[in-house]
Amino acid sequence: MNEENLEKQYHVSRYIIAYKFILGFFEVILGLGIIIYGKRIYELYLNFRNSELLEDPHDLLARISENLIPYILAHQGYVVFILLLLGVTKMVGCVGLWYRKHWGLDILIAVTIALLPFEVYAIVIHPSATKTAYFIINLFIALYLVNFKPRDYFSDLKKRIKPKNSLPIRPG
């Protein structure tokens, strides 16, 4: 397969395909891990939490996990469904792009753009440098996938905007 042809034809880099495929793979593995090892993970968590709180009753990691783990377990079905759905969708889109199918590009664009509002919400509620970096990377990938070229867009703006009632100017 000619990688330059793939990038020219679909305007997608092989690095974006690999990045999205790896993210999808980890989402699927995490979803399956919750299904298979959910109860065992919860037992390990309880042992970890109890030992950490015995050492230091104000341990930050133990306090954060006290809020996070029960929430995930209470909504385990939804979490697993979303992880598997997103992971499989990203992986299928990447495979479609690798085999030069246009629907692969459409899937990746839709998934990437659909998740941007959730990333903004996560940044606003609990800001962190990691979330901000992840959002910026996905924003640039979304703009790259839709072939957004701001320099071309703004340089051709004068050509596209014409006054409604303007008459052509005749020379002389």
Protein backbone atom coordinates (compact mmCIF):
# COMPACT_ATOMS: atom_id res chain seq x y z
CA MET A 1 0.00 0.00 0.00
CA ASN A 2 1.33 3.40 -0.92
CA GLU A 3 1.10 5.56 2.23
CA GLU A 4 1.48 8.84 0.32
CA ASN A 5 -1.48 7.88 -1.86
CA LEU A 6 -3.57 7.22 1.26
CA GLU A 7 -2.66 10.62 2.70
CA LYS A 8 -3.36 12.43 -0.58
CA GLN A 9 -6.58 10.60 -1.39
CA TYR A 10 -8.23 10.74 2.05
CA HIS A 11 -6.16 13.46 3.72
CA VAL A 12 -5.40 11.16 6.64
CA SER A 13 -2.03 10.40 8.12
CA ARG A 14 -1.09 6.86 9.09
CA TYR A 15 -0.19 8.27 12.52
CA ILE A 16 -3.80 9.38 13.06
CA ILE A 17 -5.00 5.94 12.00
CA ALA A 18 -2.59 4.27 14.43
CA TYR A 19 -3.49 6.71 17.25
CA LYS A 20 -7.23 6.16 16.88
CA PHE A 21 -6.81 2.39 16.50
CA ILE A 22 -4.71 2.15 19.68
CA LEU A 23 -7.26 4.26 21.61
CA GLY A 24 -10.07 2.04 20.35
CA PHE A 25 -8.12 -1.09 21.29
CA PHE A 26 -7.58 0.15 24.86
CA GLU A 27 -11.26 1.08 25.19
CA VAL A 28 -12.31 -2.42 24.11
CA ILE A 29 -9.78 -4.06 26.45
CA LEU A 30 -10.93 -1.87 29.36
CA GLY A 31 -14.61 -2.69 28.68
CA LEU A 32 -13.90 -6.42 28.47
CA GLY A 33 -11.74 -6.21 31.60
CA ILE A 34 -14.62 -4.65 33.54
CA ILE A 35 -16.95 -7.42 32.36
CA ILE A 36 -14.57 -10.28 33.12
CA TYR A 37 -12.74 -9.03 36.21
CA GLY A 38 -15.21 -6.54 37.67
CA LYS A 39 -15.80 -8.32 40.99
CA ARG A 40 -12.14 -9.19 41.46
CA ILE A 41 -11.12 -5.59 40.74
CA TYR A 42 -13.65 -4.38 43.32
CA GLU A 43 -12.20 -6.75 45.94
CA LEU A 44 -8.68 -5.51 45.17
CA TYR A 45 -9.93 -1.94 45.41
CA LEU A 46 -11.50 -2.55 48.84
CA ASN A 47 -8.25 -4.07 50.13
CA PHE A 48 -6.24 -1.15 48.71
CA ARG A 49 -8.60 1.47 50.13
CA ASN A 50 -8.70 -0.09 53.58
CA SER A 51 -4.91 -0.42 53.80
CA GLU A 52 -4.36 3.15 52.56
CA LEU A 53 -6.90 4.60 54.99
CA LEU A 54 -5.34 2.67 57.87
CA GLU A 55 -1.97 4.23 57.06
CA ASP A 56 -3.29 7.74 56.51
CA PRO A 57 -7.00 8.59 57.05
CA HIS A 58 -6.66 11.65 54.80
CA ASP A 59 -5.02 9.90 51.82
CA LEU A 60 -5.98 11.78 48.66
CA LEU A 61 -5.89 8.77 46.31
CA ALA A 62 -8.11 6.72 48.62
CA ARG A 63 -10.60 9.60 48.98
CA ILE A 64 -10.79 10.14 45.22
CA SER A 65 -11.26 6.43 44.55
CA GLU A 66 -14.04 6.27 47.17
CA ASN A 67 -16.10 8.50 44.90
CA LEU A 68 -15.04 7.08 41.53
CA ILE A 69 -15.10 3.28 41.93
CA PRO A 70 -18.62 2.92 43.40
CA TYR A 71 -19.96 5.22 40.66
CA ILE A 72 -18.40 3.07 37.94
CA LEU A 73 -19.72 -0.11 39.53
CA ALA A 74 -23.23 1.34 39.95
CA HIS A 75 -23.28 2.23 36.23
CA GLN A 76 -21.17 -0.69 35.06
CA GLY A 77 -23.49 -1.67 32.22
CA TYR A 78 -23.47 1.82 30.70
CA VAL A 79 -19.74 2.23 31.12
CA VAL A 80 -19.00 -1.12 29.47
CA PHE A 81 -21.47 -0.45 26.64
CA ILE A 82 -19.97 2.98 25.88
CA LEU A 83 -16.38 1.70 26.08
CA LEU A 84 -17.08 -1.22 23.76
CA LEU A 85 -19.13 0.88 21.34
CA LEU A 86 -16.54 3.64 21.07
CA GLY A 87 -13.63 1.22 20.89
CA VAL A 88 -15.12 -0.95 18.18
CA THR A 89 -16.30 2.10 16.21
CA LYS A 90 -12.83 3.66 16.26
CA MET A 91 -11.17 0.40 15.27
CA VAL A 92 -13.63 -0.24 12.42
CA GLY A 93 -13.14 3.32 11.15
CA CYS A 94 -9.37 2.86 11.20
CA VAL A 95 -9.56 -0.46 9.37
CA GLY A 96 -11.86 1.16 6.79
CA LEU A 97 -9.36 3.95 6.25
CA TRP A 98 -6.46 1.53 6.00
CA TYR A 99 -8.30 -0.27 3.19
CA ARG A 100 -9.17 3.10 1.57
CA LYS A 101 -12.88 3.06 2.24
CA HIS A 102 -14.49 6.48 2.47
CA TRP A 103 -16.89 5.36 5.21
CA GLY A 104 -13.87 4.86 7.48
CA LEU A 105 -13.11 8.58 7.27
CA ASP A 106 -16.77 9.42 7.91
CA ILE A 107 -16.84 7.21 11.03
CA LEU A 108 -13.67 8.73 12.47
CA ILE A 109 -14.85 12.28 11.81
CA ALA A 110 -18.25 11.62 13.40
CA VAL A 111 -16.82 9.93 16.50
CA THR A 112 -14.09 12.54 16.99
CA ILE A 113 -16.42 15.52 16.61
CA ALA A 114 -19.21 13.93 18.68
CA LEU A 115 -16.88 13.47 21.66
CA LEU A 116 -15.49 17.03 21.67
CA PRO A 117 -18.39 18.53 23.73
CA PHE A 118 -17.91 15.86 26.40
CA GLU A 119 -14.21 16.67 26.57
CA VAL A 120 -14.99 20.39 26.98
CA TYR A 121 -17.41 19.54 29.80
CA ALA A 122 -14.76 17.41 31.51
CA ILE A 123 -12.23 20.24 31.25
CA VAL A 124 -14.68 22.78 32.67
CA ILE A 125 -15.75 20.58 35.60
CA HIS A 126 -12.29 19.21 36.52
CA PRO A 127 -9.57 21.09 34.65
CA SER A 128 -6.21 19.42 34.18
CA ALA A 129 -3.30 19.69 31.78
CA THR A 130 -3.83 16.11 30.57
CA LYS A 131 -7.48 16.67 29.69
CA THR A 132 -6.63 19.94 27.97
CA ALA A 133 -3.85 18.30 25.94
CA TYR A 134 -6.14 15.41 24.97
CA PHE A 135 -8.83 17.89 23.89
CA ILE A 136 -6.39 19.95 21.80
CA ILE A 137 -5.03 16.82 20.10
CA ASN A 138 -8.54 15.61 19.24
CA LEU A 139 -9.58 19.09 18.07
CA PHE A 140 -6.63 19.27 15.69
CA ILE A 141 -7.32 15.73 14.47
CA ALA A 142 -10.97 16.66 13.82
CA LEU A 143 -9.94 19.78 11.88
CA TYR A 144 -7.33 17.80 9.97
CA LEU A 145 -9.82 15.06 9.08
CA VAL A 146 -12.35 17.53 7.67
CA ASN A 147 -9.53 19.15 5.68
CA PHE A 148 -9.89 22.56 7.29
CA LYS A 149 -7.34 24.99 5.89
CA PRO A 150 -7.71 28.35 7.65
CA ARG A 151 -5.15 30.12 5.45
CA ASP A 152 -7.02 29.14 2.28
CA TYR A 153 -10.37 29.81 3.90
CA PHE A 154 -9.59 33.38 4.89
CA SER A 155 -7.59 34.26 1.76
CA ASP A 156 -10.53 33.32 -0.48
CA LEU A 157 -13.04 35.17 1.71
CA LYS A 158 -13.01 38.30 -0.46
CA LYS A 159 -13.80 36.25 -3.55
CA ARG A 160 -16.76 34.54 -1.89
CA ILE A 161 -18.35 37.65 -0.39
CA LYS A 162 -19.92 39.90 -2.99
CA PRO A 163 -22.20 42.82 -2.25
CA LYS A 164 -25.79 42.10 -3.31
CA ASN A 165 -26.51 45.31 -5.19
CA SER A 166 -23.14 46.08 -6.66
CA LEU A 167 -22.83 46.91 -10.30
CA PRO A 168 -19.76 45.98 -12.24
CA ILE A 169 -17.38 48.86 -12.78
CA ARG A 170 -16.81 49.60 -16.45
CA PRO A 171 -13.50 50.94 -17.55
CA GLY A 172 -13.51 54.25 -18.88
